Amino acid sequence: MKSAEPCLEVTQLSISMGSELLLDTVNLKIHEGERLAIIGANGAGKTTLLRCLLGLLQPDTGQINLYGKNISTLTRGNIARNIAYVPQVLNPEIPFSVHDFIAMSRYSHSGNHHGLIATDNNGKEIADTMMQRTGIQHLAHRSMSTLSGGERQKASIAAALTQQSPILILDEPAAHLDPKQQDSVQTLLEEISQSNNHTIITVTHDLNWAASCFDRLIGLKNGRVISDSTPQESITTENLAGIFEAQWEILPHPRTGSPMVIR
């Protein structure tokens, strides 16, 4: 049974860089098992919000609670046991094998950044399972630096799943990938969301993916939340014009009926 309390609660969050206001009095409640997509134009504050949710940026005002505790008071290990992160792009020169890179994501369980140790008895089995689940078990002994963009992104997702954190945060997980790789990564994330009780929070520019696969869409503009509702309520010509200052035609998907953006 899902808790009535939010797993992440953002209250009156504001953060500036110099004279530029990056986030402006943001309020959000995110509950267990939700699939939430954050949309908005470049510079709207999407990645800044993610970095705050990860505890990597301290706000000027406001607070973020992770399972009821102020995230600023938690250690990196405590945060990692609750939140896993998939960045938009990994460093292409990571000097580890795929298996070792994924194994290192268990550091919050083992206390060791350099791989699995005896205190994390199930770690190797979990890492192997997640490589199989993401379809990269055949890459286990390859160097991360030799992988394609899609393979590297799947390794990043496998590492996040190996971390076994209930909240999964992703920053444009299909960016910079060709259409086939995009489809593969998005399909994988849909399977994860359907088969696990992960709370999934992602930034994306793919409005059709957001409309078809997420429960809730957050629209950011100039650091403010200007839309917070279901895909059906969010993906409208009027709402998108307010978020992006651009016009698109909206049609129902021929199979699912979900709103589909036509450029």
C-alpha atoms as a PDB file:
ATOM      1  CA  MET A   1       0.000   0.000   0.000  1.00  0.00           C
ATOM      2  CA  LYS A   2       1.424   3.401  -0.963  1.00  0.00           C
ATOM      3  CA  SER A   3       2.095   5.928   1.778  1.00  0.00           C
ATOM      4  CA  ALA A   4      -0.140   8.997   1.924  1.00  0.00           C
ATOM      5  CA  GLU A   5       2.950  11.060   2.729  1.00  0.00           C
ATOM      6  CA  PRO A   6       5.035  12.312  -0.217  1.00  0.00           C
ATOM      7  CA  CYS A   7       8.429  10.710  -0.770  1.00  0.00           C
ATOM      8  CA  LEU A   8       9.705  14.106  -1.953  1.00  0.00           C
ATOM      9  CA  GLU A   9       8.231  17.424  -0.868  1.00  0.00           C
ATOM     10  CA  VAL A  10       9.490  20.754  -2.209  1.00  0.00           C
ATOM     11  CA  THR A  11       8.390  23.838  -0.280  1.00  0.00           C
ATOM     12  CA  GLN A  12       8.904  27.460  -1.395  1.00  0.00           C
ATOM     13  CA  LEU A  13      12.155  26.572  -3.164  1.00  0.00           C
ATOM     14  CA  SER A  14      14.117  29.458  -4.695  1.00  0.00           C
ATOM     15  CA  ILE A  15      17.695  29.590  -5.927  1.00  0.00           C
ATOM     16  CA  SER A  16      19.681  32.291  -7.709  1.00  0.00           C
ATOM     17  CA  MET A  17      23.009  32.541  -9.486  1.00  0.00           C
ATOM     18  CA  GLY A  18      24.220  36.096  -9.271  1.00  0.00           C
ATOM     19  CA  SER A  19      21.319  38.277 -10.350  1.00  0.00           C
ATOM     20  CA  GLU A  20      19.597  35.427 -12.230  1.00  0.00           C
ATOM     21  CA  LEU A  21      16.685  33.677 -10.507  1.00  0.00           C
ATOM     22  CA  LEU A  22      16.924  29.990 -11.498  1.00  0.00           C
ATOM     23  CA  LEU A  23      13.995  28.657  -9.450  1.00  0.00           C
ATOM     24  CA  ASP A  24      11.224  30.816  -8.042  1.00  0.00           C
ATOM     25  CA  THR A  25       9.102  29.604  -5.085  1.00  0.00           C
ATOM     26  CA  VAL A  26       8.668  26.048  -6.393  1.00  0.00           C
ATOM     27  CA  ASN A  27       6.227  23.828  -4.487  1.00  0.00           C
ATOM     28  CA  LEU A  28       5.825  20.128  -5.315  1.00  0.00           C
ATOM     29  CA  LYS A  29       4.642  16.949  -3.643  1.00  0.00           C
ATOM     30  CA  ILE A  30       5.752  13.705  -5.283  1.00  0.00           C
ATOM     31  CA  HIS A  31       4.316  10.415  -4.054  1.00  0.00           C
ATOM     32  CA  GLU A  32       5.592   6.861  -4.176  1.00  0.00           C
ATOM     33  CA  GLY A  33       5.074   5.126  -7.504  1.00  0.00           C
ATOM     34  CA  GLU A  34       4.374   8.307  -9.461  1.00  0.00           C
ATOM     35  CA  ARG A  35       5.744   8.746 -12.968  1.00  0.00           C
ATOM     36  CA  LEU A  36       6.447  12.432 -13.357  1.00  0.00           C
ATOM     37  CA  ALA A  37       7.890  14.261 -16.381  1.00  0.00           C
ATOM     38  CA  ILE A  38       9.279  17.792 -16.175  1.00  0.00           C
ATOM     39  CA  ILE A  39       8.927  19.797 -19.378  1.00  0.00           C
ATOM     40  CA  GLY A  40       9.942  23.289 -20.404  1.00  0.00           C
ATOM     41  CA  ALA A  41      12.159  25.289 -22.724  1.00  0.00           C
ATOM     42  CA  ASN A  42      15.936  25.433 -22.356  1.00  0.00           C
ATOM     43  CA  GLY A  43      16.813  27.559 -19.351  1.00  0.00           C
ATOM     44  CA  ALA A  44      13.458  27.023 -17.644  1.00  0.00           C
ATOM     45  CA  GLY A  45      15.100  25.544 -14.522  1.00  0.00           C
ATOM     46  CA  LYS A  46      14.543  21.827 -15.150  1.00  0.00           C
ATOM     47  CA  THR A  47      18.076  20.576 -14.506  1.00  0.00           C
ATOM     48  CA  THR A  48      18.489  23.001 -11.599  1.00  0.00           C
ATOM     49  CA  LEU A  49      15.391  21.481  -9.999  1.00  0.00           C
ATOM     50  CA  LEU A  50      16.788  17.966 -10.482  1.00  0.00           C
ATOM     51  CA  ARG A  51      20.085  18.966  -8.876  1.00  0.00           C
ATOM     52  CA  CYS A  52      18.186  20.339  -5.900  1.00  0.00           C
ATOM     53  CA  LEU A  53      16.164  17.114  -5.608  1.00  0.00           C
ATOM     54  CA  LEU A  54      19.463  15.212  -5.587  1.00  0.00           C
ATOM     55  CA  GLY A  55      20.826  17.402  -2.795  1.00  0.00           C
ATOM     56  CA  LEU A  56      23.600  18.725  -5.043  1.00  0.00           C
ATOM     57  CA  LEU A  57      22.463  22.355  -4.878  1.00  0.00           C
ATOM     58  CA  GLN A  58      21.442  24.205  -1.747  1.00  0.00           C
ATOM     59  CA  PRO A  59      18.524  26.617  -2.256  1.00  0.00           C
ATOM     60  CA  ASP A  60      18.607  30.228  -1.141  1.00  0.00           C
ATOM     61  CA  THR A  61      15.203  29.759   0.466  1.00  0.00           C
ATOM     62  CA  GLY A  62      12.808  26.863   0.961  1.00  0.00           C
ATOM     63  CA  GLN A  63      13.313  23.203   1.729  1.00  0.00           C
ATOM     64  CA  ILE A  64      13.223  19.721   0.227  1.00  0.00           C
ATOM     65  CA  ASN A  65      12.136  16.798   2.381  1.00  0.00           C
ATOM     66  CA  LEU A  66      13.082  13.241   1.405  1.00  0.00           C
ATOM     67  CA  TYR A  67      10.748  10.817   3.194  1.00  0.00           C
ATOM     68  CA  GLY A  68      10.058  13.535   5.757  1.00  0.00           C
ATOM     69  CA  LYS A  69      13.686  14.526   6.402  1.00  0.00           C
ATOM     70  CA  ASN A  70      15.347  17.740   5.249  1.00  0.00           C
ATOM     71  CA  ILE A  71      17.623  16.591   2.433  1.00  0.00           C
ATOM     72  CA  SER A  72      20.289  19.120   3.437  1.00  0.00           C
ATOM     73  CA  THR A  73      20.817  17.185   6.705  1.00  0.00           C
ATOM     74  CA  LEU A  74      21.343  13.801   5.020  1.00  0.00           C
ATOM     75  CA  THR A  75      24.643  12.222   4.017  1.00  0.00           C
ATOM     76  CA  ARG A  76      25.379  11.367   0.378  1.00  0.00           C
ATOM     77  CA  GLY A  77      25.014   7.683   1.317  1.00  0.00           C
ATOM     78  CA  ASN A  78      21.575   8.245   2.824  1.00  0.00           C
ATOM     79  CA  ILE A  79      20.444  10.125  -0.273  1.00  0.00           C
ATOM     80  CA  ALA A  80      21.871   7.446  -2.583  1.00  0.00           C
ATOM     81  CA  ARG A  81      19.976   4.710  -0.766  1.00  0.00           C
ATOM     82  CA  ASN A  82      16.767   6.560  -1.650  1.00  0.00           C
ATOM     83  CA  ILE A  83      17.507   8.295  -4.979  1.00  0.00           C
ATOM     84  CA  ALA A  84      19.329   6.957  -8.039  1.00  0.00           C
ATOM     85  CA  TYR A  85      20.324   9.305 -10.846  1.00  0.00           C
ATOM     86  CA  VAL A  86      20.771   8.804 -14.587  1.00  0.00           C
ATOM     87  CA  PRO A  87      22.510  11.828 -16.140  1.00  0.00           C
ATOM     88  CA  GLN A  88      21.886  13.086 -19.641  1.00  0.00           C
ATOM     89  CA  VAL A  89      25.399  12.165 -20.778  1.00  0.00           C
ATOM     90  CA  LEU A  90      28.114  10.091 -19.125  1.00  0.00           C
ATOM     91  CA  ASN A  91      31.774  10.919 -19.464  1.00  0.00           C
ATOM     92  CA  PRO A  92      32.792   8.896 -22.550  1.00  0.00           C
ATOM     93  CA  GLU A  93      36.226   8.172 -21.045  1.00  0.00           C
ATOM     94  CA  ILE A  94      35.125   6.252 -17.934  1.00  0.00           C
ATOM     95  CA  PRO A  95      38.138   3.970 -17.229  1.00  0.00           C
ATOM     96  CA  PHE A  96      36.206   0.922 -16.013  1.00  0.00           C
ATOM     97  CA  SER A  97      34.570  -2.140 -17.447  1.00  0.00           C
ATOM     98  CA  VAL A  98      30.778  -2.131 -17.696  1.00  0.00           C
ATOM     99  CA  HIS A  99      30.530  -4.639 -14.850  1.00  0.00           C
ATOM    100  CA  ASP A 100      32.809  -2.627 -12.542  1.00  0.00           C
ATOM    101  CA  PHE A 101      31.020   0.626 -13.348  1.00  0.00           C
ATOM    102  CA  ILE A 102      27.663  -0.934 -12.446  1.00  0.00           C
ATOM    103  CA  ALA A 103      29.079  -2.616  -9.337  1.00  0.00           C
ATOM    104  CA  MET A 104      30.327   0.727  -8.027  1.00  0.00           C
ATOM    105  CA  SER A 105      26.732   1.966  -7.826  1.00  0.00           C
ATOM    106  CA  ARG A 106      26.396  -0.242  -4.729  1.00  0.00           C
ATOM    107  CA  TYR A 107      28.669   2.059  -2.720  1.00  0.00           C
ATOM    108  CA  SER A 108      25.817   3.255  -0.502  1.00  0.00           C
ATOM    109  CA  HIS A 109      25.231  -0.367   0.559  1.00  0.00           C
ATOM    110  CA  SER A 110      28.872  -1.449   0.838  1.00  0.00           C
ATOM    111  CA  GLY A 111      30.539   1.823   1.829  1.00  0.00           C
ATOM    112  CA  ASN A 112      33.115   1.243  -0.897  1.00  0.00           C
ATOM    113  CA  HIS A 113      33.326   3.359  -4.069  1.00  0.00           C
ATOM    114  CA  HIS A 114      35.716   0.872  -5.684  1.00  0.00           C
ATOM    115  CA  GLY A 115      33.377  -2.061  -6.057  1.00  0.00           C
ATOM    116  CA  LEU A 116      31.551  -4.732  -4.105  1.00  0.00           C
ATOM    117  CA  ILE A 117      32.836  -6.028  -0.796  1.00  0.00           C
ATOM    118  CA  ALA A 118      31.797  -8.773   1.558  1.00  0.00           C
ATOM    119  CA  THR A 119      29.377  -6.560   3.480  1.00  0.00           C
ATOM    120  CA  ASP A 120      27.203  -6.324   0.350  1.00  0.00           C
ATOM    121  CA  ASN A 121      26.614 -10.022  -0.187  1.00  0.00           C
ATOM    122  CA  ASN A 122      23.848  -9.667  -2.778  1.00  0.00           C
ATOM    123  CA  GLY A 123      25.519  -6.897  -4.760  1.00  0.00           C
ATOM    124  CA  LYS A 124      27.117  -8.985  -7.507  1.00  0.00           C
ATOM    125  CA  GLU A 125      23.911 -10.935  -8.100  1.00  0.00           C
ATOM    126  CA  ILE A 126      21.901  -7.718  -8.286  1.00  0.00           C
ATOM    127  CA  ALA A 127      24.384  -6.152 -10.721  1.00  0.00           C
ATOM    128  CA  ASP A 128      24.278  -9.266 -12.934  1.00  0.00           C
ATOM    129  CA  THR A 129      20.468  -9.282 -12.853  1.00  0.00           C
ATOM    130  CA  MET A 130      20.239  -5.625 -13.868  1.00  0.00           C
ATOM    131  CA  MET A 131      22.699  -6.113 -16.727  1.00  0.00           C
ATOM    132  CA  GLN A 132      20.478  -8.919 -17.995  1.00  0.00           C
ATOM    133  CA  ARG A 133      17.374  -6.823 -17.526  1.00  0.00           C
ATOM    134  CA  THR A 134      18.800  -3.956 -19.550  1.00  0.00           C
ATOM    135  CA  GLY A 135      20.148  -6.329 -22.200  1.00  0.00           C
ATOM    136  CA  ILE A 136      23.829  -5.512 -21.752  1.00  0.00           C
ATOM    137  CA  GLN A 137      25.126  -8.663 -20.049  1.00  0.00           C
ATOM    138  CA  HIS A 138      27.208  -9.399 -23.158  1.00  0.00           C
ATOM    139  CA  LEU A 139      29.020  -6.087 -22.599  1.00  0.00           C
ATOM    140  CA  ALA A 140      30.084  -6.883 -19.011  1.00  0.00           C
ATOM    141  CA  HIS A 141      33.818  -7.001 -19.749  1.00  0.00           C
ATOM    142  CA  ARG A 142      33.868  -4.194 -22.314  1.00  0.00           C
ATOM    143  CA  SER A 143      35.357  -0.846 -21.361  1.00  0.00           C
ATOM    144  CA  MET A 144      32.740   1.855 -20.845  1.00  0.00           C
ATOM    145  CA  SER A 145      34.768   4.066 -23.203  1.00  0.00           C
ATOM    146  CA  THR A 146      34.094   1.681 -26.126  1.00  0.00           C
ATOM    147  CA  LEU A 147      30.294   1.732 -25.886  1.00  0.00           C
ATOM    148  CA  SER A 148      27.859   3.503 -28.191  1.00  0.00           C
ATOM    149  CA  GLY A 149      25.636   6.244 -26.782  1.00  0.00           C
ATOM    150  CA  GLY A 150      22.681   3.903 -26.402  1.00  0.00           C
ATOM    151  CA  GLU A 151      24.785   1.183 -24.755  1.00  0.00           C
ATOM    152  CA  ARG A 152      26.303   3.708 -22.356  1.00  0.00           C
ATOM    153  CA  GLN A 153      22.849   4.993 -21.417  1.00  0.00           C
ATOM    154  CA  LYS A 154      21.622   1.458 -20.735  1.00  0.00           C
ATOM    155  CA  ALA A 155      24.693   0.883 -18.539  1.00  0.00           C
ATOM    156  CA  SER A 156      23.816   4.073 -16.648  1.00  0.00           C
ATOM    157  CA  ILE A 157      20.236   2.836 -16.135  1.00  0.00           C
ATOM    158  CA  ALA A 158      21.524  -0.599 -15.054  1.00  0.00           C
ATOM    159  CA  ALA A 159      23.769   1.105 -12.493  1.00  0.00           C
ATOM    160  CA  ALA A 160      20.833   3.131 -11.168  1.00  0.00           C
ATOM    161  CA  LEU A 161      18.711  -0.019 -10.829  1.00  0.00           C
ATOM    162  CA  THR A 162      21.572  -1.870  -9.124  1.00  0.00           C
ATOM    163  CA  GLN A 163      21.592   0.921  -6.567  1.00  0.00           C
ATOM    164  CA  GLN A 164      18.089  -0.319  -5.569  1.00  0.00           C
ATOM    165  CA  SER A 165      16.830   3.122  -4.623  1.00  0.00           C
ATOM    166  CA  PRO A 166      13.043   3.614  -4.692  1.00  0.00           C
ATOM    167  CA  ILE A 167      13.284   6.964  -6.517  1.00  0.00           C
ATOM    168  CA  LEU A 168      14.788   7.142 -10.006  1.00  0.00           C
ATOM    169  CA  ILE A 169      15.672  10.596 -11.392  1.00  0.00           C
ATOM    170  CA  LEU A 170      16.678  10.971 -15.043  1.00  0.00           C
ATOM    171  CA  ASP A 171      17.857  14.017 -16.991  1.00  0.00           C
ATOM    172  CA  GLU A 172      16.784  13.654 -20.637  1.00  0.00           C
ATOM    173  CA  PRO A 173      17.626   9.928 -20.767  1.00  0.00           C
ATOM    174  CA  ALA A 174      17.104   9.631 -24.534  1.00  0.00           C
ATOM    175  CA  ALA A 175      18.857  12.857 -25.553  1.00  0.00           C
ATOM    176  CA  HIS A 176      21.575  12.643 -28.224  1.00  0.00           C
ATOM    177  CA  LEU A 177      20.476   9.136 -29.258  1.00  0.00           C
ATOM    178  CA  ASP A 178      19.327   8.059 -32.706  1.00  0.00           C
ATOM    179  CA  PRO A 179      15.618   7.083 -33.086  1.00  0.00           C
ATOM    180  CA  LYS A 180      16.275   3.350 -32.620  1.00  0.00           C
ATOM    181  CA  GLN A 181      18.320   3.951 -29.464  1.00  0.00           C
ATOM    182  CA  GLN A 182      15.718   6.420 -28.161  1.00  0.00           C
ATOM    183  CA  ASP A 183      12.974   3.848 -28.604  1.00  0.00           C
ATOM    184  CA  SER A 184      15.058   1.164 -26.892  1.00  0.00           C
ATOM    185  CA  VAL A 185      15.842   3.323 -23.847  1.00  0.00           C
ATOM    186  CA  GLN A 186      12.273   4.648 -23.548  1.00  0.00           C
ATOM    187  CA  THR A 187      10.819   1.133 -23.845  1.00  0.00           C
ATOM    188  CA  LEU A 188      13.190  -0.058 -21.123  1.00  0.00           C
ATOM    189  CA  LEU A 189      12.077   2.739 -18.789  1.00  0.00           C
ATOM    190  CA  GLU A 190       8.412   1.961 -19.493  1.00  0.00           C
ATOM    191  CA  GLU A 191       9.024  -1.684 -18.560  1.00  0.00           C
ATOM    192  CA  ILE A 192      10.769  -0.609 -15.352  1.00  0.00           C
ATOM    193  CA  SER A 193       7.920   1.716 -14.384  1.00  0.00           C
ATOM    194  CA  GLN A 194       5.323  -0.994 -14.990  1.00  0.00           C
ATOM    195  CA  SER A 195       7.090  -3.845 -13.194  1.00  0.00           C
ATOM    196  CA  ASN A 196       8.519  -1.981 -10.181  1.00  0.00           C
ATOM    197  CA  ASN A 197       7.140   0.473  -7.688  1.00  0.00           C
ATOM    198  CA  HIS A 198       9.827   3.002  -8.585  1.00  0.00           C
ATOM    199  CA  THR A 199       8.999   6.670  -8.366  1.00  0.00           C
ATOM    200  CA  ILE A 200      10.263   7.990 -11.706  1.00  0.00           C
ATOM    201  CA  ILE A 201      11.077  11.668 -12.260  1.00  0.00           C
ATOM    202  CA  THR A 202      12.486  12.687 -15.617  1.00  0.00           C
ATOM    203  CA  VAL A 203      13.279  15.813 -17.574  1.00  0.00           C
ATOM    204  CA  THR A 204      12.382  15.392 -21.230  1.00  0.00           C
ATOM    205  CA  HIS A 205      11.877  17.385 -24.402  1.00  0.00           C
ATOM    206  CA  ASP A 206       9.957  14.482 -25.955  1.00  0.00           C
ATOM    207  CA  LEU A 207       6.397  15.672 -25.362  1.00  0.00           C
ATOM    208  CA  ASN A 208       4.806  12.629 -26.992  1.00  0.00           C
ATOM    209  CA  TRP A 209       6.727  10.274 -24.716  1.00  0.00           C
ATOM    210  CA  ALA A 210       5.758  12.402 -21.733  1.00  0.00           C
ATOM    211  CA  ALA A 211       2.099  12.348 -22.786  1.00  0.00           C
ATOM    212  CA  SER A 212       1.920   8.600 -23.377  1.00  0.00           C
ATOM    213  CA  CYS A 213       4.013   7.163 -20.543  1.00  0.00           C
ATOM    214  CA  PHE A 214       3.773   9.468 -17.517  1.00  0.00           C
ATOM    215  CA  ASP A 215       1.052  10.077 -14.937  1.00  0.00           C
ATOM    216  CA  ARG A 216       1.839  13.730 -14.337  1.00  0.00           C
ATOM    217  CA  LEU A 217       3.557  16.569 -16.173  1.00  0.00           C
ATOM    218  CA  ILE A 218       5.224  19.572 -14.551  1.00  0.00           C
ATOM    219  CA  GLY A 219       5.640  22.596 -16.830  1.00  0.00           C
ATOM    220  CA  LEU A 220       8.427  25.017 -15.883  1.00  0.00           C
ATOM    221  CA  LYS A 221       8.965  28.498 -17.269  1.00  0.00           C
ATOM    222  CA  ASN A 222      11.494  31.009 -15.956  1.00  0.00           C
ATOM    223  CA  GLY A 223      12.012  28.896 -12.860  1.00  0.00           C
ATOM    224  CA  ARG A 224       8.331  28.763 -11.917  1.00  0.00           C
ATOM    225  CA  VAL A 225       5.863  25.873 -12.034  1.00  0.00           C
ATOM    226  CA  ILE A 226       3.130  27.091 -14.355  1.00  0.00           C
ATOM    227  CA  SER A 227       1.479  23.725 -15.008  1.00  0.00           C
ATOM    228  CA  ASP A 228       1.064  20.615 -12.856  1.00  0.00           C
ATOM    229  CA  SER A 229      -1.511  18.115 -14.075  1.00  0.00           C
ATOM    230  CA  THR A 230      -2.215  14.976 -16.081  1.00  0.00           C
ATOM    231  CA  PRO A 231      -0.944  14.617 -19.663  1.00  0.00           C
ATOM    232  CA  GLN A 232      -4.469  15.143 -20.985  1.00  0.00           C
ATOM    233  CA  GLU A 233      -4.704  18.463 -19.154  1.00  0.00           C
ATOM    234  CA  SER A 234      -1.100  19.503 -19.824  1.00  0.00           C
ATOM    235  CA  ILE A 235      -0.747  18.679 -23.519  1.00  0.00           C
ATOM    236  CA  THR A 236      -3.041  21.342 -24.945  1.00  0.00           C
ATOM    237  CA  THR A 237      -2.250  24.085 -27.444  1.00  0.00           C
ATOM    238  CA  GLU A 238      -2.953  26.771 -24.847  1.00  0.00           C
ATOM    239  CA  ASN A 239      -0.826  25.213 -22.101  1.00  0.00           C
ATOM    240  CA  LEU A 240       2.120  24.415 -24.378  1.00  0.00           C
ATOM    241  CA  ALA A 241       2.011  27.953 -25.768  1.00  0.00           C
ATOM    242  CA  GLY A 242       2.320  29.241 -22.209  1.00  0.00           C
ATOM    243  CA  ILE A 243       5.261  26.966 -21.416  1.00  0.00           C
ATOM    244  CA  PHE A 244       7.215  27.190 -24.685  1.00  0.00           C
ATOM    245  CA  GLU A 245       5.859  30.337 -26.388  1.00  0.00           C
ATOM    246  CA  ALA A 246       5.274  28.207 -29.493  1.00  0.00           C
ATOM    247  CA  GLN A 247       2.264  26.744 -31.238  1.00  0.00           C
ATOM    248  CA  TRP A 248       1.674  23.075 -32.018  1.00  0.00           C
ATOM    249  CA  GLU A 249      -1.295  21.066 -33.166  1.00  0.00           C
ATOM    250  CA  ILE A 250      -2.593  18.407 -30.774  1.00  0.00           C
ATOM    251  CA  LEU A 251      -4.201  15.225 -32.092  1.00  0.00           C
ATOM    252  CA  PRO A 252      -5.311  12.026 -30.332  1.00  0.00           C
ATOM    253  CA  HIS A 253      -2.997   9.061 -30.803  1.00  0.00           C
ATOM    254  CA  PRO A 254      -4.715   6.639 -33.239  1.00  0.00           C
ATOM    255  CA  ARG A 255      -4.265   3.641 -30.919  1.00  0.00           C
ATOM    256  CA  THR A 256      -4.139   4.947 -27.349  1.00  0.00           C
ATOM    257  CA  GLY A 257      -6.049   8.211 -27.625  1.00  0.00           C
ATOM    258  CA  SER A 258      -3.353  10.041 -25.614  1.00  0.00           C
ATOM    259  CA  PRO A 259      -2.615  13.584 -26.824  1.00  0.00           C
ATOM    260  CA  MET A 260       0.013  13.715 -29.561  1.00  0.00           C
ATOM    261  CA  VAL A 261       1.973  16.823 -30.491  1.00  0.00           C
ATOM    262  CA  ILE A 262       2.360  17.600 -34.194  1.00  0.00           C
ATOM    263  CA  ARG A 263       5.009  20.155 -35.110  1.00  0.00           C
END
